[in-house]
């Protein structure tokens, strides 16, 4: 069964996965409308013919009318504790904004697709994983029509902003990746693989709620 992506709205559009997702959506012939939610206009996104940018300083001000009528909603929004600067700021981005965005689609037919993280667990001792897990729980209890959650491991790719620890890890894993079997569930994945999986599950998932682990993301391309 194929559920065509006729229209899509994307939050976290200027991140590593978000940019790649928009590129892939832009190539889908049946996708007639794509809206990228951004805090300021992005020059790179202007190169994508179908992509419109909706500029908002505060994503918590998004309302039903802003996102009405989309067949699919994608969230690639996420930060790190270092970039956010504090636990409170990280929680505001990774939980509060994401939860608010998802809640706008309650009671609609929109298929909601989220990039979470490997190890997401509301009961985790690690704050990062705890917040990711709390968001997943929030979605599972919602009245969203269809929910897809991806749990990638370390993401490989070029970011516009510097994340020193991630960059160092990427260099290490790039060198070792050839030695790591494809069946290793913690093997790093690329933004292309994550975005491809998002597009794939958006069109093929029949279950109301499903989580895709890192191994499934690896095998999607």
N, C-alpha and C. Protein backbone atom coordinates (compact mmCIF):
# COMPACT_ATOMS: atom_id res chain seq x y z
N UNK A 1 0.84 -1.20 0.00
CA UNK A 1 0.00 0.00 0.00
C UNK A 1 0.88 1.26 0.00
N UNK A 2 0.56 2.19 -0.86
CA UNK A 2 1.32 3.43 -0.93
C UNK A 2 0.44 4.61 -0.54
N UNK A 3 0.88 5.34 0.47
CA UNK A 3 0.19 6.56 0.89
C UNK A 3 1.00 7.73 0.34
N UNK A 4 0.57 8.27 -0.76
CA UNK A 4 1.35 9.31 -1.42
C UNK A 4 1.52 10.54 -0.53
N UNK A 5 2.74 11.10 -0.56
CA UNK A 5 3.00 12.35 0.15
C UNK A 5 2.54 13.47 -0.78
N UNK A 6 1.34 13.96 -0.54
CA UNK A 6 0.77 15.00 -1.40
C UNK A 6 1.21 16.40 -0.96
N UNK A 7 1.40 16.55 0.35
CA UNK A 7 1.85 17.83 0.89
C UNK A 7 2.58 17.57 2.19
N UNK A 8 3.59 18.36 2.48
CA UNK A 8 4.41 18.11 3.66
C UNK A 8 4.83 19.40 4.34
N UNK A 9 4.87 19.36 5.66
CA UNK A 9 5.40 20.47 6.45
C UNK A 9 6.55 19.91 7.28
N UNK A 10 7.66 20.65 7.33
CA UNK A 10 8.88 20.15 7.98
C UNK A 10 9.37 21.16 9.01
N UNK A 11 9.59 20.68 10.23
CA UNK A 11 10.23 21.50 11.26
C UNK A 11 11.61 20.91 11.53
N UNK A 12 12.57 21.80 11.81
CA UNK A 12 13.96 21.33 11.88
C UNK A 12 14.52 21.26 10.47
N UNK A 13 14.02 22.14 9.61
CA UNK A 13 14.30 22.08 8.18
C UNK A 13 15.73 22.44 7.80
N UNK A 14 16.44 23.16 8.65
CA UNK A 14 17.79 23.61 8.28
C UNK A 14 18.89 22.78 8.94
N UNK A 15 18.50 21.69 9.59
CA UNK A 15 19.48 20.79 10.19
C UNK A 15 19.97 19.77 9.18
N UNK A 16 20.83 18.90 9.63
CA UNK A 16 21.47 17.90 8.77
C UNK A 16 20.44 17.03 8.06
N UNK A 17 19.52 16.47 8.82
CA UNK A 17 18.49 15.60 8.24
C UNK A 17 17.42 16.42 7.53
N UNK A 18 17.04 17.53 8.12
CA UNK A 18 15.99 18.37 7.54
C UNK A 18 16.29 18.80 6.12
N UNK A 19 17.51 19.25 5.88
CA UNK A 19 17.89 19.69 4.53
C UNK A 19 17.82 18.53 3.54
N UNK A 20 18.32 17.38 3.95
CA UNK A 20 18.30 16.22 3.06
C UNK A 20 16.86 15.76 2.80
N UNK A 21 16.03 15.80 3.84
CA UNK A 21 14.63 15.43 3.68
C UNK A 21 13.94 16.32 2.65
N UNK A 22 14.17 17.62 2.75
CA UNK A 22 13.55 18.55 1.80
C UNK A 22 14.01 18.29 0.37
N UNK A 23 15.27 17.95 0.20
CA UNK A 23 15.77 17.61 -1.13
C UNK A 23 15.01 16.42 -1.70
N UNK A 24 14.80 15.41 -0.85
CA UNK A 24 14.13 14.20 -1.32
C UNK A 24 12.64 14.45 -1.57
N UNK A 25 12.01 15.22 -0.71
CA UNK A 25 10.59 15.55 -0.91
C UNK A 25 10.41 16.36 -2.19
N UNK A 26 11.36 17.24 -2.45
CA UNK A 26 11.28 18.11 -3.63
C UNK A 26 11.28 17.31 -4.94
N UNK A 27 11.82 16.10 -4.88
CA UNK A 27 11.92 15.25 -6.07
C UNK A 27 10.68 14.38 -6.28
N UNK A 28 9.79 14.34 -5.30
CA UNK A 28 8.61 13.49 -5.41
C UNK A 28 7.57 14.16 -6.29
N UNK A 29 7.25 13.52 -7.38
CA UNK A 29 6.36 14.12 -8.39
C UNK A 29 4.98 14.44 -7.84
N UNK A 30 4.45 13.55 -6.99
CA UNK A 30 3.09 13.72 -6.47
C UNK A 30 3.00 14.72 -5.32
N UNK A 31 4.15 15.14 -4.80
CA UNK A 31 4.16 16.08 -3.68
C UNK A 31 4.02 17.50 -4.23
N UNK A 32 2.85 18.09 -4.01
CA UNK A 32 2.53 19.37 -4.62
C UNK A 32 2.90 20.58 -3.76
N UNK A 33 2.99 20.37 -2.45
CA UNK A 33 3.26 21.49 -1.55
C UNK A 33 4.21 21.07 -0.44
N UNK A 34 5.26 21.84 -0.23
CA UNK A 34 6.23 21.58 0.84
C UNK A 34 6.49 22.89 1.57
N UNK A 35 6.27 22.89 2.87
CA UNK A 35 6.54 24.07 3.68
C UNK A 35 7.62 23.75 4.70
N UNK A 36 8.66 24.57 4.71
CA UNK A 36 9.74 24.45 5.69
C UNK A 36 9.56 25.53 6.75
N UNK A 37 9.45 25.12 8.00
CA UNK A 37 9.34 26.07 9.10
C UNK A 37 10.74 26.49 9.52
N UNK A 38 11.02 27.78 9.44
CA UNK A 38 12.36 28.30 9.73
C UNK A 38 12.27 29.54 10.60
N UNK A 39 13.35 29.81 11.32
CA UNK A 39 13.39 31.01 12.16
C UNK A 39 13.85 32.23 11.36
N UNK A 40 14.60 31.99 10.31
CA UNK A 40 14.98 33.06 9.38
C UNK A 40 15.12 32.45 7.99
N UNK A 41 14.90 33.27 6.98
CA UNK A 41 14.92 32.77 5.61
C UNK A 41 16.27 32.15 5.28
N UNK A 42 16.24 31.01 4.63
CA UNK A 42 17.45 30.25 4.33
C UNK A 42 17.72 30.28 2.82
N UNK A 43 18.91 30.73 2.44
CA UNK A 43 19.25 30.88 1.03
C UNK A 43 19.33 29.53 0.31
N UNK A 44 19.86 28.52 0.98
CA UNK A 44 19.98 27.20 0.35
C UNK A 44 18.62 26.62 -0.01
N UNK A 45 17.66 26.81 0.86
CA UNK A 45 16.33 26.24 0.63
C UNK A 45 15.62 26.89 -0.55
N UNK A 46 16.05 28.11 -0.89
CA UNK A 46 15.45 28.79 -2.05
C UNK A 46 15.76 28.07 -3.36
N UNK A 47 16.78 27.21 -3.33
CA UNK A 47 17.15 26.47 -4.54
C UNK A 47 16.21 25.31 -4.82
N UNK A 48 15.39 24.94 -3.84
CA UNK A 48 14.45 23.83 -4.00
C UNK A 48 13.12 24.38 -4.50
N UNK A 49 12.77 24.03 -5.70
CA UNK A 49 11.65 24.66 -6.42
C UNK A 49 10.32 24.60 -5.68
N UNK A 50 10.00 23.46 -5.06
CA UNK A 50 8.69 23.29 -4.44
C UNK A 50 8.62 23.80 -3.01
N UNK A 51 9.75 24.11 -2.42
CA UNK A 51 9.80 24.44 -0.99
C UNK A 51 9.46 25.90 -0.72
N UNK A 52 8.45 26.11 0.12
CA UNK A 52 8.11 27.44 0.62
C UNK A 52 8.63 27.55 2.05
N UNK A 53 9.07 28.72 2.44
CA UNK A 53 9.56 28.92 3.80
C UNK A 53 8.57 29.75 4.61
N UNK A 54 8.21 29.22 5.77
CA UNK A 54 7.37 29.97 6.70
C UNK A 54 8.27 30.41 7.85
N UNK A 55 8.52 31.72 7.93
CA UNK A 55 9.45 32.26 8.91
C UNK A 55 8.72 32.62 10.20
N UNK A 56 9.20 32.04 11.32
CA UNK A 56 8.62 32.33 12.63
C UNK A 56 9.73 32.41 13.66
N UNK A 57 9.73 33.46 14.47
CA UNK A 57 10.74 33.60 15.52
C UNK A 57 10.55 32.57 16.62
N UNK A 58 9.29 32.24 16.89
CA UNK A 58 8.97 31.34 17.99
C UNK A 58 8.02 30.26 17.48
N UNK A 59 8.50 29.03 17.40
CA UNK A 59 7.68 27.93 16.89
C UNK A 59 6.51 27.60 17.82
N UNK A 60 6.57 28.04 19.06
CA UNK A 60 5.46 27.80 19.98
C UNK A 60 4.24 28.66 19.61
N UNK A 61 4.44 29.62 18.71
CA UNK A 61 3.33 30.45 18.25
C UNK A 61 2.62 29.85 17.03
N UNK A 62 3.13 28.72 16.54
CA UNK A 62 2.46 28.03 15.45
C UNK A 62 1.04 27.66 15.87
N UNK A 63 0.09 27.81 14.95
CA UNK A 63 -1.29 27.43 15.27
C UNK A 63 -1.85 26.50 14.20
N UNK A 64 -3.08 26.05 14.42
CA UNK A 64 -3.70 25.09 13.52
C UNK A 64 -3.73 25.57 12.08
N UNK A 65 -4.01 26.85 11.88
CA UNK A 65 -4.12 27.38 10.53
C UNK A 65 -2.78 27.33 9.78
N UNK A 66 -1.69 27.46 10.51
CA UNK A 66 -0.36 27.44 9.88
C UNK A 66 -0.05 26.09 9.25
N UNK A 67 -0.60 25.02 9.82
CA UNK A 67 -0.24 23.67 9.39
C UNK A 67 -1.45 22.87 8.91
N UNK A 68 -2.49 23.54 8.53
CA UNK A 68 -3.73 22.88 8.15
C UNK A 68 -3.64 22.20 6.79
N UNK A 69 -4.17 20.98 6.70
CA UNK A 69 -4.36 20.32 5.42
C UNK A 69 -3.18 19.55 4.85
N UNK A 70 -2.11 19.36 5.60
CA UNK A 70 -0.96 18.62 5.10
C UNK A 70 -1.18 17.11 5.25
N UNK A 71 -0.79 16.36 4.25
CA UNK A 71 -0.91 14.90 4.34
C UNK A 71 0.14 14.33 5.29
N UNK A 72 1.29 15.01 5.37
CA UNK A 72 2.38 14.53 6.22
C UNK A 72 3.07 15.69 6.94
N UNK A 73 3.49 15.40 8.17
CA UNK A 73 4.28 16.36 8.95
C UNK A 73 5.55 15.65 9.42
N UNK A 74 6.68 16.32 9.23
CA UNK A 74 7.96 15.73 9.59
C UNK A 74 8.68 16.61 10.60
N UNK A 75 9.19 16.00 11.67
CA UNK A 75 10.01 16.74 12.61
C UNK A 75 11.43 16.19 12.63
N UNK A 76 12.35 17.05 12.23
CA UNK A 76 13.78 16.75 12.31
C UNK A 76 14.42 17.65 13.37
N UNK A 77 13.58 18.27 14.19
CA UNK A 77 14.05 19.26 15.16
C UNK A 77 14.71 18.59 16.35
N UNK A 78 15.92 19.04 16.66
CA UNK A 78 16.63 18.50 17.81
C UNK A 78 17.89 19.30 18.06
N UNK A 79 18.38 19.23 19.27
CA UNK A 79 19.58 19.97 19.62
C UNK A 79 20.50 19.05 20.43
N UNK A 80 21.50 19.64 21.03
CA UNK A 80 22.35 18.94 21.98
C UNK A 80 22.41 19.79 23.24
N UNK A 81 22.79 19.18 24.33
CA UNK A 81 22.90 19.93 25.58
C UNK A 81 23.92 21.04 25.44
N UNK A 82 25.01 20.77 24.73
CA UNK A 82 26.05 21.78 24.57
C UNK A 82 25.54 22.96 23.75
N UNK A 83 24.88 22.67 22.65
CA UNK A 83 24.40 23.75 21.79
C UNK A 83 23.27 24.53 22.47
N UNK A 84 22.38 23.82 23.17
CA UNK A 84 21.26 24.48 23.84
C UNK A 84 21.73 25.35 25.00
N UNK A 85 22.83 24.96 25.63
CA UNK A 85 23.39 25.77 26.70
C UNK A 85 22.95 25.42 28.10
N UNK A 86 21.83 24.71 28.22
CA UNK A 86 21.34 24.29 29.53
C UNK A 86 20.29 23.20 29.33
N UNK A 87 20.00 22.49 30.41
CA UNK A 87 18.98 21.45 30.35
C UNK A 87 17.61 22.06 30.04
N UNK A 88 17.36 23.23 30.61
CA UNK A 88 16.07 23.89 30.40
C UNK A 88 15.88 24.26 28.93
N UNK A 89 16.92 24.81 28.31
CA UNK A 89 16.83 25.18 26.89
C UNK A 89 16.69 23.94 26.01
N UNK A 90 17.43 22.90 26.35
CA UNK A 90 17.36 21.66 25.59
C UNK A 90 15.94 21.08 25.66
N UNK A 91 15.37 21.08 26.85
CA UNK A 91 14.01 20.55 27.04
C UNK A 91 12.99 21.38 26.25
N UNK A 92 13.20 22.68 26.24
CA UNK A 92 12.29 23.58 25.52
C UNK A 92 12.27 23.27 24.02
N UNK A 93 13.44 22.94 23.47
CA UNK A 93 13.54 22.63 22.04
C UNK A 93 13.07 21.21 21.75
N UNK A 94 13.70 20.26 22.41
CA UNK A 94 13.48 18.86 22.04
C UNK A 94 12.16 18.29 22.53
N UNK A 95 11.61 18.83 23.61
CA UNK A 95 10.30 18.36 24.05
C UNK A 95 9.20 19.36 23.75
N UNK A 96 9.30 20.55 24.31
CA UNK A 96 8.17 21.49 24.25
C UNK A 96 7.79 21.89 22.83
N UNK A 97 8.76 22.26 22.02
CA UNK A 97 8.44 22.67 20.64
C UNK A 97 7.95 21.47 19.84
N UNK A 98 8.64 20.34 19.98
CA UNK A 98 8.22 19.15 19.25
C UNK A 98 6.82 18.69 19.66
N UNK A 99 6.54 18.73 20.94
CA UNK A 99 5.22 18.32 21.43
C UNK A 99 4.14 19.27 20.92
N UNK A 100 4.44 20.55 20.94
CA UNK A 100 3.48 21.54 20.45
C UNK A 100 3.20 21.33 18.96
N UNK A 101 4.24 21.12 18.19
CA UNK A 101 4.09 20.89 16.75
C UNK A 101 3.23 19.66 16.49
N UNK A 102 3.51 18.58 17.20
CA UNK A 102 2.73 17.34 17.03
C UNK A 102 1.27 17.54 17.42
N UNK A 103 1.04 18.25 18.51
CA UNK A 103 -0.33 18.45 19.01
C UNK A 103 -1.22 19.18 18.00
N UNK A 104 -0.61 19.95 17.13
CA UNK A 104 -1.39 20.69 16.14
C UNK A 104 -2.10 19.76 15.15
N UNK A 105 -1.65 18.51 15.09
CA UNK A 105 -2.22 17.55 14.14
C UNK A 105 -3.15 16.54 14.80
N UNK A 106 -3.39 16.69 16.09
CA UNK A 106 -4.33 15.80 16.77
C UNK A 106 -5.71 15.90 16.12
N UNK A 107 -6.31 14.74 15.90
CA UNK A 107 -7.65 14.72 15.32
C UNK A 107 -7.70 14.94 13.82
N UNK A 108 -6.53 15.02 13.17
CA UNK A 108 -6.48 15.18 11.71
C UNK A 108 -6.03 13.85 11.09
N UNK A 109 -5.96 13.82 9.77
CA UNK A 109 -5.49 12.62 9.06
C UNK A 109 -4.00 12.66 8.76
N UNK A 110 -3.33 13.69 9.24
CA UNK A 110 -1.90 13.87 8.94
C UNK A 110 -1.04 12.76 9.55
N UNK A 111 -0.16 12.23 8.74
CA UNK A 111 0.82 11.22 9.19
C UNK A 111 2.02 11.97 9.76
N UNK A 112 2.37 11.69 11.02
CA UNK A 112 3.43 12.42 11.71
C UNK A 112 4.69 11.55 11.79
N UNK A 113 5.81 12.10 11.34
CA UNK A 113 7.08 11.36 11.32
C UNK A 113 8.13 12.14 12.12
N UNK A 114 8.73 11.48 13.10
CA UNK A 114 9.69 12.13 14.01
C UNK A 114 11.05 11.46 13.97
N UNK A 115 12.10 12.27 13.97
CA UNK A 115 13.45 11.76 14.20
C UNK A 115 13.72 11.87 15.70
N UNK A 116 13.82 10.73 16.35
CA UNK A 116 14.13 10.69 17.78
C UNK A 116 15.61 10.33 17.93
N UNK A 117 15.94 9.37 18.76
CA UNK A 117 17.35 8.99 18.93
C UNK A 117 17.44 7.59 19.49
N UNK A 118 18.51 6.90 19.11
CA UNK A 118 18.78 5.59 19.68
C UNK A 118 18.95 5.74 21.20
N UNK A 119 18.31 4.89 21.94
CA UNK A 119 18.42 4.96 23.40
C UNK A 119 17.34 5.80 24.06
N UNK A 120 16.41 6.32 23.27
CA UNK A 120 15.32 7.12 23.84
C UNK A 120 14.57 6.31 24.89
N UNK A 121 14.46 6.87 26.08
CA UNK A 121 13.82 6.14 27.19
C UNK A 121 13.50 7.14 28.30
N UNK A 122 12.22 7.29 28.59
CA UNK A 122 11.80 8.25 29.61
C UNK A 122 12.37 7.92 30.98
N UNK A 123 12.76 6.67 31.18
CA UNK A 123 13.31 6.26 32.46
C UNK A 123 14.83 6.23 32.49
N UNK A 124 15.46 6.75 31.46
CA UNK A 124 16.92 6.73 31.36
C UNK A 124 17.58 7.62 32.41
N UNK A 125 18.78 7.25 32.80
CA UNK A 125 19.57 8.08 33.71
C UNK A 125 20.20 9.25 32.97
N UNK A 126 20.23 9.16 31.65
CA UNK A 126 20.82 10.22 30.83
C UNK A 126 19.73 11.18 30.39
N UNK A 127 19.92 12.46 30.67
CA UNK A 127 18.90 13.47 30.42
C UNK A 127 18.50 13.52 28.95
N UNK A 128 19.47 13.44 28.06
CA UNK A 128 19.19 13.49 26.62
C UNK A 128 18.22 12.38 26.22
N UNK A 129 18.54 11.15 26.60
CA UNK A 129 17.68 10.02 26.26
C UNK A 129 16.33 10.10 26.97
N UNK A 130 16.35 10.66 28.17
CA UNK A 130 15.12 10.80 28.94
C UNK A 130 14.13 11.72 28.23
N UNK A 131 14.61 12.85 27.75
CA UNK A 131 13.75 13.81 27.06
C UNK A 131 13.21 13.21 25.76
N UNK A 132 14.07 12.53 25.02
CA UNK A 132 13.62 11.88 23.79
C UNK A 132 12.53 10.86 24.10
N UNK A 133 12.71 10.10 25.19
CA UNK A 133 11.73 9.11 25.58
C UNK A 133 10.41 9.72 26.02
N UNK A 134 10.49 10.85 26.72
CA UNK A 134 9.26 11.54 27.15
C UNK A 134 8.46 12.03 25.95
N UNK A 135 9.16 12.50 24.93
CA UNK A 135 8.47 12.96 23.73
C UNK A 135 7.78 11.78 23.03
N UNK A 136 8.46 10.66 22.95
CA UNK A 136 7.86 9.49 22.32
C UNK A 136 6.60 9.05 23.08
N UNK A 137 6.66 9.09 24.40
CA UNK A 137 5.49 8.75 25.21
C UNK A 137 4.34 9.72 24.95
N UNK A 138 4.69 10.99 24.85
CA UNK A 138 3.67 12.01 24.57
C UNK A 138 2.96 11.72 23.25
N UNK A 139 3.72 11.35 22.24
CA UNK A 139 3.14 11.06 20.94
C UNK A 139 2.26 9.82 20.98
N UNK A 140 2.74 8.81 21.70
CA UNK A 140 1.99 7.55 21.77
C UNK A 140 0.62 7.74 22.43
N UNK A 141 0.53 8.70 23.35
CA UNK A 141 -0.72 8.97 24.06
C UNK A 141 -1.61 9.96 23.32
N UNK A 142 -1.11 10.51 22.23
CA UNK A 142 -1.84 11.55 21.49
C UNK A 142 -2.95 10.94 20.65
N UNK A 143 -3.68 11.81 19.96
CA UNK A 143 -4.73 11.36 19.05
C UNK A 143 -4.32 11.57 17.60
N UNK A 144 -3.02 11.47 17.36
CA UNK A 144 -2.51 11.55 15.99
C UNK A 144 -2.96 10.31 15.22
N UNK A 145 -3.24 10.48 13.93
CA UNK A 145 -3.76 9.38 13.12
C UNK A 145 -2.71 8.29 12.90
N UNK A 146 -1.51 8.69 12.52
CA UNK A 146 -0.43 7.76 12.24
C UNK A 146 0.89 8.37 12.71
N UNK A 147 1.69 7.56 13.39
CA UNK A 147 2.95 8.06 13.96
C UNK A 147 4.09 7.14 13.59
N UNK A 148 5.15 7.71 13.05
CA UNK A 148 6.38 6.98 12.75
C UNK A 148 7.52 7.63 13.52
N UNK A 149 8.29 6.83 14.25
CA UNK A 149 9.42 7.35 15.02
C UNK A 149 10.70 6.64 14.59
N UNK A 150 11.69 7.43 14.22
CA UNK A 150 12.99 6.88 13.83
C UNK A 150 13.99 7.11 14.95
N UNK A 151 14.78 6.07 15.23
CA UNK A 151 15.80 6.16 16.28
C UNK A 151 17.19 5.92 15.70
N UNK A 152 17.76 6.93 15.04
CA UNK A 152 19.10 6.76 14.49
C UNK A 152 20.17 6.82 15.57
N UNK A 153 21.30 6.21 15.26
CA UNK A 153 22.49 6.31 16.11
C UNK A 153 23.22 7.60 15.72
N UNK A 154 24.54 7.61 15.78
CA UNK A 154 25.31 8.79 15.40
C UNK A 154 25.07 9.12 13.93
N UNK A 155 24.82 10.39 13.65
CA UNK A 155 24.58 10.84 12.29
C UNK A 155 25.87 11.31 11.63
N UNK A 156 26.12 10.81 10.43
CA UNK A 156 27.28 11.25 9.66
C UNK A 156 26.84 12.27 8.63
N UNK A 157 27.64 13.32 8.45
CA UNK A 157 27.30 14.33 7.45
C UNK A 157 27.88 15.68 7.82
N UNK A 158 27.78 16.61 6.89
CA UNK A 158 28.31 17.95 7.10
C UNK A 158 27.24 18.87 7.67
N UNK A 159 27.50 19.43 8.84
CA UNK A 159 26.56 20.37 9.45
C UNK A 159 27.00 21.80 9.17
N UNK A 160 26.02 22.70 9.17
CA UNK A 160 26.34 24.12 9.00
C UNK A 160 26.95 24.70 10.27
N UNK A 161 26.55 24.13 11.42
CA UNK A 161 27.12 24.61 12.67
C UNK A 161 28.09 23.57 13.22
N UNK A 162 29.01 24.00 14.03
CA UNK A 162 30.01 23.10 14.57
C UNK A 162 29.50 22.40 15.83
N UNK A 163 29.68 21.09 15.85
CA UNK A 163 29.43 20.31 17.06
C UNK A 163 30.69 19.49 17.29
N UNK A 164 31.62 20.04 18.05
CA UNK A 164 32.98 19.52 18.15
C UNK A 164 33.05 18.04 18.46
N UNK A 165 32.33 17.59 19.48
CA UNK A 165 32.38 16.20 19.89
C UNK A 165 31.82 15.31 18.79
N UNK A 166 30.70 15.73 18.19
CA UNK A 166 30.11 14.95 17.11
C UNK A 166 31.04 14.89 15.92
N UNK A 167 31.69 16.02 15.59
CA UNK A 167 32.60 16.05 14.46
C UNK A 167 33.77 15.08 14.66
N UNK A 168 34.30 15.06 15.88
CA UNK A 168 35.40 14.15 16.19
C UNK A 168 34.95 12.70 16.09
N UNK A 169 33.74 12.44 16.59
CA UNK A 169 33.20 11.09 16.54
C UNK A 169 32.98 10.66 15.10
N UNK A 170 32.51 11.59 14.27
CA UNK A 170 32.26 11.28 12.87
C UNK A 170 33.56 10.86 12.18
N UNK A 171 34.63 11.60 12.42
CA UNK A 171 35.91 11.28 11.79
C UNK A 171 36.38 9.90 12.20
N UNK A 172 36.20 9.58 13.49
CA UNK A 172 36.60 8.27 13.99
C UNK A 172 35.78 7.17 13.33
N UNK A 173 34.46 7.34 13.31
CA UNK A 173 33.59 6.30 12.78
C UNK A 173 33.69 6.16 11.27
N UNK A 174 33.99 7.27 10.57
CA UNK A 174 34.18 7.15 9.13
C UNK A 174 35.35 6.23 8.82
N UNK A 175 36.40 6.35 9.63
CA UNK A 175 37.57 5.51 9.42
C UNK A 175 37.32 4.06 9.76
N UNK A 176 36.44 3.84 10.73
CA UNK A 176 36.18 2.47 11.18
C UNK A 176 34.97 1.82 10.50
N UNK A 177 34.16 2.62 9.81
CA UNK A 177 32.87 2.13 9.30
C UNK A 177 33.02 0.93 8.37
N UNK A 178 34.13 0.90 7.62
CA UNK A 178 34.32 -0.23 6.70
C UNK A 178 34.55 -1.53 7.45
N UNK A 179 35.00 -1.41 8.71
CA UNK A 179 35.28 -2.60 9.51
C UNK A 179 34.06 -3.07 10.30
N UNK A 180 33.03 -2.21 10.34
CA UNK A 180 31.84 -2.53 11.14
C UNK A 180 30.80 -3.20 10.26
N UNK A 181 30.34 -4.39 10.62
CA UNK A 181 29.33 -5.08 9.80
C UNK A 181 28.02 -4.31 9.74
N UNK A 182 27.31 -4.45 8.63
CA UNK A 182 26.05 -3.74 8.44
C UNK A 182 24.99 -4.18 9.43
N UNK A 183 25.17 -5.35 10.01
CA UNK A 183 24.19 -5.86 10.98
C UNK A 183 24.41 -5.31 12.38
N UNK A 184 25.45 -4.49 12.58
CA UNK A 184 25.72 -3.89 13.88
C UNK A 184 24.75 -2.73 14.10
N UNK A 185 23.88 -2.86 15.08
CA UNK A 185 22.77 -1.92 15.21
C UNK A 185 23.19 -0.51 15.62
N UNK A 186 24.42 -0.35 16.13
CA UNK A 186 24.87 0.98 16.56
C UNK A 186 25.68 1.68 15.47
N UNK A 187 25.82 1.05 14.32
CA UNK A 187 26.63 1.63 13.25
C UNK A 187 26.07 3.00 12.85
N UNK A 188 26.92 4.02 12.73
CA UNK A 188 26.44 5.36 12.35
C UNK A 188 25.72 5.33 11.01
N UNK A 189 24.76 6.24 10.86
CA UNK A 189 24.00 6.34 9.62
C UNK A 189 24.14 7.75 9.05
N UNK A 190 23.85 7.89 7.79
CA UNK A 190 23.95 9.20 7.14
C UNK A 190 22.60 9.90 7.14
N UNK A 191 22.64 11.20 6.92
CA UNK A 191 21.41 11.97 6.81
C UNK A 191 20.58 11.48 5.63
N UNK A 192 21.25 11.04 4.58
CA UNK A 192 20.56 10.50 3.40
C UNK A 192 19.74 9.28 3.79
N UNK A 193 20.34 8.39 4.59
CA UNK A 193 19.64 7.18 5.02
C UNK A 193 18.44 7.51 5.90
N UNK A 194 18.62 8.45 6.82
CA UNK A 194 17.52 8.82 7.72
C UNK A 194 16.38 9.46 6.92
N UNK A 195 16.72 10.40 6.05
CA UNK A 195 15.70 11.08 5.24
C UNK A 195 14.99 10.09 4.32
N UNK A 196 15.74 9.18 3.73
CA UNK A 196 15.14 8.17 2.85
C UNK A 196 14.16 7.30 3.63
N UNK A 197 14.52 6.93 4.84
CA UNK A 197 13.64 6.13 5.68
C UNK A 197 12.37 6.90 6.02
N UNK A 198 12.51 8.19 6.33
CA UNK A 198 11.35 9.01 6.64
C UNK A 198 10.36 9.03 5.47
N UNK A 199 10.89 9.23 4.27
CA UNK A 199 10.04 9.27 3.08
C UNK A 199 9.41 7.90 2.83
N UNK A 200 10.19 6.86 3.03
CA UNK A 200 9.71 5.50 2.78
C UNK A 200 8.58 5.12 3.72
N UNK A 201 8.78 5.33 5.04
CA UNK A 201 7.76 4.92 6.01
C UNK A 201 6.52 5.81 5.90
N UNK A 202 6.72 7.05 5.48
CA UNK A 202 5.59 7.96 5.30
C UNK A 202 4.63 7.45 4.24
N UNK A 203 5.15 6.66 3.32
CA UNK A 203 4.34 6.17 2.21
C UNK A 203 3.89 4.72 2.36
N UNK A 204 4.52 3.98 3.28
CA UNK A 204 4.24 2.54 3.35
C UNK A 204 3.69 2.05 4.69
N UNK A 205 3.88 2.81 5.76
CA UNK A 205 3.44 2.33 7.08
C UNK A 205 1.92 2.18 7.14
N UNK A 206 1.48 1.04 7.67
CA UNK A 206 0.05 0.79 7.84
C UNK A 206 -0.36 0.81 9.31
N UNK A 207 0.62 0.61 10.21
CA UNK A 207 0.33 0.63 11.64
C UNK A 207 0.09 2.06 12.12
N UNK A 208 -0.70 2.21 13.17
CA UNK A 208 -0.96 3.54 13.74
C UNK A 208 0.31 4.10 14.38
N UNK A 209 1.08 3.26 15.03
CA UNK A 209 2.28 3.70 15.77
C UNK A 209 3.39 2.69 15.55
N UNK A 210 4.54 3.17 15.09
CA UNK A 210 5.66 2.25 14.87
C UNK A 210 6.99 2.96 15.07
N UNK A 211 7.92 2.25 15.70
CA UNK A 211 9.28 2.76 15.93
C UNK A 211 10.25 2.00 15.03
N UNK A 212 11.13 2.74 14.38
CA UNK A 212 12.13 2.16 13.49
C UNK A 212 13.50 2.35 14.12
N UNK A 213 14.20 1.23 14.37
CA UNK A 213 15.49 1.32 15.04
C UNK A 213 16.61 1.61 14.04
N UNK A 214 17.80 1.78 14.55
CA UNK A 214 18.94 2.17 13.73
C UNK A 214 19.26 1.14 12.65
N UNK A 215 19.08 -0.14 12.95
CA UNK A 215 19.35 -1.19 11.98
C UNK A 215 18.40 -1.09 10.78
N UNK A 216 17.14 -0.77 11.05
CA UNK A 216 16.17 -0.60 9.96
C UNK A 216 16.51 0.61 9.09
N UNK A 217 17.04 1.65 9.73
CA UNK A 217 17.46 2.84 8.97
C UNK A 217 18.65 2.49 8.07
N UNK A 218 19.61 1.72 8.61
CA UNK A 218 20.77 1.30 7.82
C UNK A 218 20.37 0.55 6.57
N UNK A 219 19.35 -0.27 6.71
CA UNK A 219 18.96 -1.18 5.62
C UNK A 219 17.98 -0.55 4.64
N UNK A 220 17.64 0.72 4.86
CA UNK A 220 16.62 1.35 4.01
C UNK A 220 17.15 1.79 2.66
N UNK A 221 18.46 1.94 2.54
CA UNK A 221 19.05 2.40 1.27
C UNK A 221 20.02 1.36 0.76
